Amino acid sequence: NYLKGCKWAPDGSCILSNSADNVLRVYNLPPEIYTSNWDVLPE
């Protein structure tokens, strides 16, 4: 199930991915990015 690319949304709030299972997935930008708490970001 390899990926076939990723694209940021125009407003930068999320990422769209494509993969070999023919599923498009939307990921939100991790909220920790907007803080200084970068020590442990979850998957």
All heavy atoms as atom14 arrays in JSON, in Angstrom:
{
  "sequence": "NYLKGCKWAPDGSCILSNSADNVLRVYNLPPEIYTSNWDVLPE",
  "atom14_mask": [
    [1, 1, 1, 1, 1, 1, 1, 1, 0, 0, 0, 0, 0, 0],
    [1, 1, 1, 1, 1, 1, 1, 1, 1, 1, 1, 1, 0, 0],
    [1, 1, 1, 1, 1, 1, 1, 1, 0, 0, 0, 0, 0, 0],
    [1, 1, 1, 1, 1, 1, 1, 1, 1, 0, 0, 0, 0, 0],
    [1, 1, 1, 1, 0, 0, 0, 0, 0, 0, 0, 0, 0, 0],
    [1, 1, 1, 1, 1, 1, 0, 0, 0, 0, 0, 0, 0, 0],
    [1, 1, 1, 1, 1, 1, 1, 1, 1, 0, 0, 0, 0, 0],
    [1, 1, 1, 1, 1, 1, 1, 1, 1, 1, 1, 1, 1, 1],
    [1, 1, 1, 1, 1, 0, 0, 0, 0, 0, 0, 0, 0, 0],
    [1, 1, 1, 1, 1, 1, 1, 0, 0, 0, 0, 0, 0, 0],
    [1, 1, 1, 1, 1, 1, 1, 1, 0, 0, 0, 0, 0, 0],
    [1, 1, 1, 1, 0, 0, 0, 0, 0, 0, 0, 0, 0, 0],
    [1, 1, 1, 1, 1, 1, 0, 0, 0, 0, 0, 0, 0, 0],
    [1, 1, 1, 1, 1, 1, 0, 0, 0, 0, 0, 0, 0, 0],
    [1, 1, 1, 1, 1, 1, 1, 1, 0, 0, 0, 0, 0, 0],
    [1, 1, 1, 1, 1, 1, 1, 1, 0, 0, 0, 0, 0, 0],
    [1, 1, 1, 1, 1, 1, 0, 0, 0, 0, 0, 0, 0, 0],
    [1, 1, 1, 1, 1, 1, 1, 1, 0, 0, 0, 0, 0, 0],
    [1, 1, 1, 1, 1, 1, 0, 0, 0, 0, 0, 0, 0, 0],
    [1, 1, 1, 1, 1, 0, 0, 0, 0, 0, 0, 0, 0, 0],
    [1, 1, 1, 1, 1, 1, 1, 1, 0, 0, 0, 0, 0, 0],
    [1, 1, 1, 1, 1, 1, 1, 1, 0, 0, 0, 0, 0, 0],
    [1, 1, 1, 1, 1, 1, 1, 0, 0, 0, 0, 0, 0, 0],
    [1, 1, 1, 1, 1, 1, 1, 1, 0, 0, 0, 0, 0, 0],
    [1, 1, 1, 1, 1, 1, 1, 1, 1, 1, 1, 0, 0, 0],
    [1, 1, 1, 1, 1, 1, 1, 0, 0, 0, 0, 0, 0, 0],
    [1, 1, 1, 1, 1, 1, 1, 1, 1, 1, 1, 1, 0, 0],
    [1, 1, 1, 1, 1, 1, 1, 1, 0, 0, 0, 0, 0, 0],
    [1, 1, 1, 1, 1, 1, 1, 1, 0, 0, 0, 0, 0, 0],
    [1, 1, 1, 1, 1, 1, 1, 0, 0, 0, 0, 0, 0, 0],
    [1, 1, 1, 1, 1, 1, 1, 0, 0, 0, 0, 0, 0, 0],
    [1, 1, 1, 1, 1, 1, 1, 1, 1, 0, 0, 0, 0, 0],
    [1, 1, 1, 1, 1, 1, 1, 1, 0, 0, 0, 0, 0, 0],
    [1, 1, 1, 1, 1, 1, 1, 1, 1, 1, 1, 1, 0, 0],
    [1, 1, 1, 1, 1, 1, 1, 0, 0, 0, 0, 0, 0, 0],
    [1, 1, 1, 1, 1, 1, 0, 0, 0, 0, 0, 0, 0, 0],
    [1, 1, 1, 1, 1, 1, 1, 1, 0, 0, 0, 0, 0, 0],
    [1, 1, 1, 1, 1, 1, 1, 1, 1, 1, 1, 1, 1, 1],
    [1, 1, 1, 1, 1, 1, 1, 1, 0, 0, 0, 0, 0, 0],
    [1, 1, 1, 1, 1, 1, 1, 0, 0, 0, 0, 0, 0, 0],
    [1, 1, 1, 1, 1, 1, 1, 1, 0, 0, 0, 0, 0, 0],
    [1, 1, 1, 1, 1, 1, 1, 0, 0, 0, 0, 0, 0, 0],
    [1, 1, 1, 1, 1, 1, 1, 1, 1, 0, 0, 0, 0, 0]
  ],
  "atom14_positions": [
    [[0.84, -1.19, 0.0], [0.0, 0.0, 0.0], [0.89, 1.25, 0.0], [0.89, 2.03, 0.94], [-0.93, 0.0, 1.22], [-2.0, 1.06, 1.1], [-2.29, 1.56, 0.02], [-2.6, 1.41, 2.22], [0.0, 0.0, 0.0], [0.0, 0.0, 0.0], [0.0, 0.0, 0.0], [0.0, 0.0, 0.0], [0.0, 0.0, 0.0], [0.0, 0.0, 0.0]],
    [[1.62, 1.41, -1.08], [2.53, 2.54, -1.2], [1.76, 3.81, -1.53], [0.67, 3.78, -2.11], [3.59, 2.26, -2.28], [3.05, 1.86, -3.62], [2.78, 2.81, -4.61], [2.8, 0.52, -3.91], [2.27, 2.44, -5.84], [2.3, 0.13, -5.15], [2.03, 1.1, -6.1], [1.52, 0.73, -7.32], [0.0, 0.0, 0.0], [0.0, 0.0, 0.0]],
    [[2.35, 4.94, -1.16], [1.72, 6.23, -1.45], [2.03, 6.67, -2.86], [3.0, 6.22, -3.49], [2.16, 7.29, -0.44], [1.42, 7.24, 0.9], [2.04, 6.2, 1.82], [1.39, 8.59, 1.57], [0.0, 0.0, 0.0], [0.0, 0.0, 0.0], [0.0, 0.0, 0.0], [0.0, 0.0, 0.0], [0.0, 0.0, 0.0], [0.0, 0.0, 0.0]],
    [[1.21, 7.59, -3.37], [1.37, 8.11, -4.72], [1.32, 9.63, -4.73], [0.85, 10.23, -5.69], [0.28, 7.56, -5.65], [0.33, 6.05, -5.83], [-0.76, 5.62, -6.81], [-0.72, 4.14, -7.1], [-1.74, 3.74, -8.1], [0.0, 0.0, 0.0], [0.0, 0.0, 0.0], [0.0, 0.0, 0.0], [0.0, 0.0, 0.0], [0.0, 0.0, 0.0]],
    [[1.78, 10.26, -3.66], [1.82, 11.71, -3.62], [1.05, 12.28, -2.44], [0.25, 11.59, -1.78], [0.0, 0.0, 0.0], [0.0, 0.0, 0.0], [0.0, 0.0, 0.0], [0.0, 0.0, 0.0], [0.0, 0.0, 0.0], [0.0, 0.0, 0.0], [0.0, 0.0, 0.0], [0.0, 0.0, 0.0], [0.0, 0.0, 0.0], [0.0, 0.0, 0.0]],
    [[1.29, 13.56, -2.17], [0.6, 14.28, -1.1], [0.52, 15.75, -1.5], [1.41, 16.26, -2.19], [1.33, 14.12, 0.23], [3.06, 14.67, 0.21], [0.0, 0.0, 0.0], [0.0, 0.0, 0.0], [0.0, 0.0, 0.0], [0.0, 0.0, 0.0], [0.0, 0.0, 0.0], [0.0, 0.0, 0.0], [0.0, 0.0, 0.0], [0.0, 0.0, 0.0]],
    [[-0.54, 16.44, -1.06], [-0.74, 17.83, -1.44], [-1.34, 18.6, -0.27], [-2.37, 18.21, 0.29], [-1.68, 17.93, -2.66], [-1.12, 17.27, -3.92], [-2.06, 17.39, -5.11], [-1.49, 16.68, -6.33], [-2.37, 16.82, -7.52], [0.0, 0.0, 0.0], [0.0, 0.0, 0.0], [0.0, 0.0, 0.0], [0.0, 0.0, 0.0], [0.0, 0.0, 0.0]],
    [[-0.68, 19.72, 0.09], [-1.23, 20.6, 1.11], [-2.5, 21.27, 0.6], [-2.6, 21.62, -0.58], [-0.23, 21.69, 1.48], [0.89, 21.26, 2.37], [2.19, 21.03, 2.01], [0.83, 21.01, 3.79], [2.94, 20.66, 3.1], [2.13, 20.64, 4.21], [-0.19, 21.07, 4.73], [2.42, 20.33, 5.53], [0.09, 20.76, 6.04], [1.39, 20.39, 6.44]],
    [[-3.44, 21.49, 1.49], [-4.61, 22.3, 1.15], [-4.17, 23.74, 0.93], [-3.18, 24.19, 1.51], [-5.63, 22.23, 2.28], [0.0, 0.0, 0.0], [0.0, 0.0, 0.0], [0.0, 0.0, 0.0], [0.0, 0.0, 0.0], [0.0, 0.0, 0.0], [0.0, 0.0, 0.0], [0.0, 0.0, 0.0], [0.0, 0.0, 0.0], [0.0, 0.0, 0.0]],
    [[-4.88, 24.49, 0.09], [-4.48, 25.88, -0.18], [-4.39, 26.76, 1.06], [-3.61, 27.72, 1.07], [-5.58, 26.37, -1.13], [-6.04, 25.13, -1.84], [-5.97, 24.05, -0.79], [0.0, 0.0, 0.0], [0.0, 0.0, 0.0], [0.0, 0.0, 0.0], [0.0, 0.0, 0.0], [0.0, 0.0, 0.0], [0.0, 0.0, 0.0], [0.0, 0.0, 0.0]],
    [[-5.17, 26.45, 2.11], [-5.09, 27.27, 3.32], [-4.13, 26.68, 4.34], [-3.98, 27.21, 5.44], [-6.48, 27.45, 3.94], [-7.02, 26.19, 4.61], [-6.46, 25.09, 4.34], [-7.96, 26.29, 5.39], [0.0, 0.0, 0.0], [0.0, 0.0, 0.0], [0.0, 0.0, 0.0], [0.0, 0.0, 0.0], [0.0, 0.0, 0.0], [0.0, 0.0, 0.0]],
    [[-3.46, 25.57, 4.0], [-2.44, 25.0, 4.86], [-2.95, 24.25, 6.07], [-2.16, 23.86, 6.93], [0.0, 0.0, 0.0], [0.0, 0.0, 0.0], [0.0, 0.0, 0.0], [0.0, 0.0, 0.0], [0.0, 0.0, 0.0], [0.0, 0.0, 0.0], [0.0, 0.0, 0.0], [0.0, 0.0, 0.0], [0.0, 0.0, 0.0], [0.0, 0.0, 0.0]],
    [[-4.26, 24.0, 6.17], [-4.81, 23.38, 7.36], [-4.7, 21.87, 7.38], [-4.79, 21.25, 8.44], [-6.28, 23.76, 7.52], [-7.05, 23.26, 6.43], [0.0, 0.0, 0.0], [0.0, 0.0, 0.0], [0.0, 0.0, 0.0], [0.0, 0.0, 0.0], [0.0, 0.0, 0.0], [0.0, 0.0, 0.0], [0.0, 0.0, 0.0], [0.0, 0.0, 0.0]],
    [[-4.48, 21.25, 6.21], [-4.48, 19.79, 6.16], [-3.72, 19.31, 4.93], [-3.37, 20.1, 4.03], [-5.9, 19.24, 6.16], [-6.95, 19.91, 4.85], [0.0, 0.0, 0.0], [0.0, 0.0, 0.0], [0.0, 0.0, 0.0], [0.0, 0.0, 0.0], [0.0, 0.0, 0.0], [0.0, 0.0, 0.0], [0.0, 0.0, 0.0], [0.0, 0.0, 0.0]],
    [[-3.46, 18.01, 4.91], [-2.73, 17.36, 3.82], [-3.63, 16.29, 3.21], [-4.32, 15.56, 3.94], [-1.43, 16.71, 4.33], [-0.65, 17.66, 5.22], [-0.56, 16.24, 3.17], [0.45, 16.97, 6.01], [0.0, 0.0, 0.0], [0.0, 0.0, 0.0], [0.0, 0.0, 0.0], [0.0, 0.0, 0.0], [0.0, 0.0, 0.0], [0.0, 0.0, 0.0]],
    [[-3.57, 16.16, 1.89], [-4.32, 15.14, 1.17], [-3.33, 14.14, 0.57], [-2.36, 14.55, -0.07], [-5.17, 15.79, 0.07], [-5.98, 14.88, -0.85], [-7.04, 14.11, -0.07], [-6.63, 15.7, -1.97], [0.0, 0.0, 0.0], [0.0, 0.0, 0.0], [0.0, 0.0, 0.0], [0.0, 0.0, 0.0], [0.0, 0.0, 0.0], [0.0, 0.0, 0.0]],
    [[-3.56, 12.85, 0.8], [-2.66, 11.82, 0.25], [-3.42, 10.86, -0.64], [-4.63, 10.66, -0.5], [-1.96, 11.06, 1.38], [-2.87, 10.17, 2.02], [0.0, 0.0, 0.0], [0.0, 0.0, 0.0], [0.0, 0.0, 0.0], [0.0, 0.0, 0.0], [0.0, 0.0, 0.0], [0.0, 0.0, 0.0], [0.0, 0.0, 0.0], [0.0, 0.0, 0.0]],
    [[-2.68, 10.22, -1.54], [-3.2, 9.19, -2.43], [-2.34, 7.96, -2.26], [-1.13, 8.06, -2.05], [-3.15, 9.7, -3.88], [-3.58, 8.64, -4.89], [-4.33, 7.73, -4.56], [-3.08, 8.75, -6.11], [0.0, 0.0, 0.0], [0.0, 0.0, 0.0], [0.0, 0.0, 0.0], [0.0, 0.0, 0.0], [0.0, 0.0, 0.0], [0.0, 0.0, 0.0]],
    [[-2.95, 6.78, -2.32], [-2.18, 5.55, -2.11], [-2.72, 4.43, -2.98], [-3.76, 4.55, -3.62], [-2.2, 5.15, -0.63], [-3.52, 5.1, -0.14], [0.0, 0.0, 0.0], [0.0, 0.0, 0.0], [0.0, 0.0, 0.0], [0.0, 0.0, 0.0], [0.0, 0.0, 0.0], [0.0, 0.0, 0.0], [0.0, 0.0, 0.0], [0.0, 0.0, 0.0]],
    [[-1.99, 3.3, -2.97], [-2.28, 2.2, -3.89], [-3.59, 1.5, -3.58], [-4.1, 0.75, -4.42], [-1.14, 1.19, -3.86], [0.0, 0.0, 0.0], [0.0, 0.0, 0.0], [0.0, 0.0, 0.0], [0.0, 0.0, 0.0], [0.0, 0.0, 0.0], [0.0, 0.0, 0.0], [0.0, 0.0, 0.0], [0.0, 0.0, 0.0], [0.0, 0.0, 0.0]],
    [[-4.16, 1.71, -2.39], [-5.46, 1.1, -2.09], [-6.61, 1.93, -2.62], [-7.78, 1.66, -2.31], [-5.61, 0.87, -0.58], [-5.51, 2.15, 0.23], [-5.28, 3.23, -0.37], [-5.64, 2.09, 1.47], [0.0, 0.0, 0.0], [0.0, 0.0, 0.0], [0.0, 0.0, 0.0], [0.0, 0.0, 0.0], [0.0, 0.0, 0.0], [0.0, 0.0, 0.0]],
    [[-6.3, 2.95, -3.43], [-7.31, 3.81, -4.07], [-8.15, 4.58, -3.05], [-9.33, 4.83, -3.27], [-8.23, 3.0, -5.0], [-7.45, 2.19, -6.01], [-6.39, 2.62, -6.48], [-7.95, 1.02, -6.35], [0.0, 0.0, 0.0], [0.0, 0.0, 0.0], [0.0, 0.0, 0.0], [0.0, 0.0, 0.0], [0.0, 0.0, 0.0], [0.0, 0.0, 0.0]],
    [[-7.51, 4.95, -1.94], [-8.17, 5.73, -0.9], [-7.47, 7.08, -0.77], [-6.23, 7.14, -0.67], [-8.16, 4.99, 0.45], [-8.73, 5.88, 1.56], [-8.95, 3.7, 0.36], [0.0, 0.0, 0.0], [0.0, 0.0, 0.0], [0.0, 0.0, 0.0], [0.0, 0.0, 0.0], [0.0, 0.0, 0.0], [0.0, 0.0, 0.0], [0.0, 0.0, 0.0]],
    [[-8.23, 8.15, -0.8], [-7.72, 9.49, -0.54], [-7.91, 9.78, 0.95], [-9.0, 9.56, 1.49], [-8.46, 10.52, -1.38], [-8.25, 10.39, -2.9], [-9.39, 11.04, -3.65], [-6.92, 11.0, -3.32], [0.0, 0.0, 0.0], [0.0, 0.0, 0.0], [0.0, 0.0, 0.0], [0.0, 0.0, 0.0], [0.0, 0.0, 0.0], [0.0, 0.0, 0.0]],
    [[-6.86, 10.26, 1.61], [-6.91, 10.51, 3.04], [-6.58, 11.97, 3.33], [-5.69, 12.55, 2.7], [-5.93, 9.6, 3.77], [-6.29, 8.12, 3.74], [-5.19, 7.26, 4.32], [-5.58, 5.86, 4.47], [-5.5, 4.94, 3.5], [-5.03, 5.29, 2.3], [-5.88, 3.7, 3.72], [0.0, 0.0, 0.0], [0.0, 0.0, 0.0], [0.0, 0.0, 0.0]],
    [[-7.3, 12.52, 4.29], [-7.06, 13.89, 4.75], [-6.49, 13.84, 6.16], [-7.07, 13.19, 7.05], [-8.35, 14.74, 4.72], [-8.11, 16.11, 5.36], [-8.84, 14.91, 3.29], [0.0, 0.0, 0.0], [0.0, 0.0, 0.0], [0.0, 0.0, 0.0], [0.0, 0.0, 0.0], [0.0, 0.0, 0.0], [0.0, 0.0, 0.0], [0.0, 0.0, 0.0]],
    [[-5.34, 14.51, 6.35], [-4.69, 14.63, 7.65], [-4.71, 16.08, 8.08], [-4.29, 16.97, 7.31], [-3.24, 14.15, 7.59], [-3.04, 12.69, 7.29], [-3.06, 12.22, 5.98], [-2.82, 11.78, 8.32], [-2.87, 10.87, 5.69], [-2.62, 10.43, 8.04], [-2.66, 9.98, 6.74], [-2.46, 8.65, 6.46], [0.0, 0.0, 0.0], [0.0, 0.0, 0.0]],
    [[-5.16, 16.34, 9.3], [-5.06, 17.69, 9.84], [-3.62, 18.01, 10.21], [-2.86, 17.12, 10.61], [-5.93, 17.84, 11.09], [-7.4, 18.03, 10.77], [-7.75, 18.41, 9.65], [-8.25, 17.76, 11.74], [0.0, 0.0, 0.0], [0.0, 0.0, 0.0], [0.0, 0.0, 0.0], [0.0, 0.0, 0.0], [0.0, 0.0, 0.0], [0.0, 0.0, 0.0]],
    [[-3.26, 19.27, 10.09], [-1.96, 19.71, 10.57], [-1.93, 19.52, 12.08], [-2.82, 19.99, 12.79], [-1.75, 21.18, 10.21], [-0.4, 21.8, 10.54], [0.71, 21.11, 9.76], [-0.42, 23.28, 10.21], [0.0, 0.0, 0.0], [0.0, 0.0, 0.0], [0.0, 0.0, 0.0], [0.0, 0.0, 0.0], [0.0, 0.0, 0.0], [0.0, 0.0, 0.0]],
    [[-0.94, 18.8, 12.63], [-0.92, 18.55, 14.07], [-0.98, 19.85, 14.87], [-0.22, 20.78, 14.6], [0.42, 17.83, 14.29], [0.73, 17.2, 12.97], [0.19, 18.15, 11.94], [0.0, 0.0, 0.0], [0.0, 0.0, 0.0], [0.0, 0.0, 0.0], [0.0, 0.0, 0.0], [0.0, 0.0, 0.0], [0.0, 0.0, 0.0], [0.0, 0.0, 0.0]],
    [[-1.88, 19.95, 15.85], [-2.01, 21.2, 16.6], [-0.76, 21.57, 17.37], [-0.53, 22.74, 17.68], [-3.19, 20.92, 17.55], [-3.31, 19.43, 17.61], [-2.84, 18.92, 16.28], [0.0, 0.0, 0.0], [0.0, 0.0, 0.0], [0.0, 0.0, 0.0], [0.0, 0.0, 0.0], [0.0, 0.0, 0.0], [0.0, 0.0, 0.0], [0.0, 0.0, 0.0]],
    [[0.11, 20.57, 17.68], [1.35, 20.87, 18.4], [2.28, 21.77, 17.6], [3.17, 22.42, 18.18], [2.08, 19.56, 18.75], [1.37, 18.68, 19.76], [0.34, 17.76, 19.13], [0.13, 17.87, 17.89], [-0.25, 16.94, 19.84], [0.0, 0.0, 0.0], [0.0, 0.0, 0.0], [0.0, 0.0, 0.0], [0.0, 0.0, 0.0], [0.0, 0.0, 0.0]],
    [[2.08, 21.82, 16.28], [2.94, 22.67, 15.45], [2.8, 24.13, 15.84], [3.74, 24.92, 15.72], [2.57, 22.49, 13.96], [2.83, 21.04, 13.53], [3.36, 23.44, 13.07], [4.27, 20.6, 13.6], [0.0, 0.0, 0.0], [0.0, 0.0, 0.0], [0.0, 0.0, 0.0], [0.0, 0.0, 0.0], [0.0, 0.0, 0.0], [0.0, 0.0, 0.0]],
    [[1.63, 24.51, 16.35], [1.4, 25.91, 16.69], [1.87, 26.26, 18.09], [1.64, 27.36, 18.57], [-0.1, 26.23, 16.56], [-0.61, 26.02, 15.17], [-1.36, 24.9, 14.84], [-0.33, 26.93, 14.16], [-1.82, 24.69, 13.55], [-0.78, 26.73, 12.87], [-1.52, 25.61, 12.57], [-1.97, 25.41, 11.3], [0.0, 0.0, 0.0], [0.0, 0.0, 0.0]],
    [[2.52, 25.32, 18.76], [3.07, 25.56, 20.08], [4.56, 25.24, 20.05], [5.11, 24.87, 19.01], [2.37, 24.67, 21.13], [2.8, 23.32, 20.96], [0.86, 24.75, 20.98], [0.0, 0.0, 0.0], [0.0, 0.0, 0.0], [0.0, 0.0, 0.0], [0.0, 0.0, 0.0], [0.0, 0.0, 0.0], [0.0, 0.0, 0.0], [0.0, 0.0, 0.0]],
    [[5.21, 25.36, 21.16], [6.63, 24.98, 21.26], [6.78, 23.56, 21.78], [7.88, 23.11, 22.07], [7.36, 25.95, 22.19], [6.76, 25.94, 23.48], [0.0, 0.0, 0.0], [0.0, 0.0, 0.0], [0.0, 0.0, 0.0], [0.0, 0.0, 0.0], [0.0, 0.0, 0.0], [0.0, 0.0, 0.0], [0.0, 0.0, 0.0], [0.0, 0.0, 0.0]],
    [[5.67, 22.82, 21.89], [5.7, 21.46, 22.41], [5.93, 20.46, 21.28], [5.02, 19.76, 20.85], [4.39, 21.15, 23.16], [4.42, 19.79, 23.83], [5.5, 19.27, 24.13], [3.26, 19.21, 24.04], [0.0, 0.0, 0.0], [0.0, 0.0, 0.0], [0.0, 0.0, 0.0], [0.0, 0.0, 0.0], [0.0, 0.0, 0.0], [0.0, 0.0, 0.0]],
    [[7.18, 20.41, 20.8], [7.51, 19.54, 19.68], [8.27, 18.3, 20.12], [8.73, 17.54, 19.28], [8.37, 20.29, 18.67], [7.66, 21.36, 17.93], [6.35, 21.74, 18.04], [8.24, 22.23, 16.95], [6.08, 22.78, 17.19], [7.22, 23.1, 16.5], [9.5, 22.35, 16.41], [7.44, 24.09, 15.55], [9.73, 23.32, 15.46], [8.7, 24.18, 15.02]],
    [[8.46, 18.12, 21.41], [9.31, 17.03, 21.86], [8.79, 15.67, 21.43], [9.53, 14.82, 20.94], [9.45, 17.07, 23.39], [10.19, 18.32, 23.85], [11.04, 18.8, 23.1], [9.89, 18.8, 24.95], [0.0, 0.0, 0.0], [0.0, 0.0, 0.0], [0.0, 0.0, 0.0], [0.0, 0.0, 0.0], [0.0, 0.0, 0.0], [0.0, 0.0, 0.0]],
    [[7.5, 15.45, 21.59], [6.91, 14.17, 21.22], [5.62, 14.45, 20.46], [4.58, 14.72, 21.05], [6.62, 13.3, 22.45], [6.01, 11.97, 22.01], [7.88, 13.06, 23.26], [0.0, 0.0, 0.0], [0.0, 0.0, 0.0], [0.0, 0.0, 0.0], [0.0, 0.0, 0.0], [0.0, 0.0, 0.0], [0.0, 0.0, 0.0], [0.0, 0.0, 0.0]],
    [[5.69, 14.37, 19.14], [4.49, 14.51, 18.32], [3.97, 13.11, 18.0], [4.74, 12.24, 17.56], [4.78, 15.25, 17.02], [4.57, 16.77, 17.04], [5.62, 17.43, 17.91], [4.62, 17.35, 15.63], [0.0, 0.0, 0.0], [0.0, 0.0, 0.0], [0.0, 0.0, 0.0], [0.0, 0.0, 0.0], [0.0, 0.0, 0.0], [0.0, 0.0, 0.0]],
    [[2.69, 12.85, 18.22], [2.17, 11.5, 17.94], [2.13, 11.22, 16.44], [2.2, 12.14, 15.61], [0.75, 11.56, 18.53], [0.39, 13.02, 18.46], [1.66, 13.77, 18.72], [0.0, 0.0, 0.0], [0.0, 0.0, 0.0], [0.0, 0.0, 0.0], [0.0, 0.0, 0.0], [0.0, 0.0, 0.0], [0.0, 0.0, 0.0], [0.0, 0.0, 0.0]],
    [[2.04, 9.95, 16.1], [1.87, 9.58, 14.7], [0.57, 10.17, 14.17], [-0.45, 10.18, 14.86], [1.85, 8.06, 14.56], [1.67, 7.6, 13.12], [1.59, 6.09, 12.98], [1.77, 5.39, 14.01], [1.35, 5.62, 11.85], [0.0, 0.0, 0.0], [0.0, 0.0, 0.0], [0.0, 0.0, 0.0], [0.0, 0.0, 0.0], [0.0, 0.0, 0.0]]
  ]
}
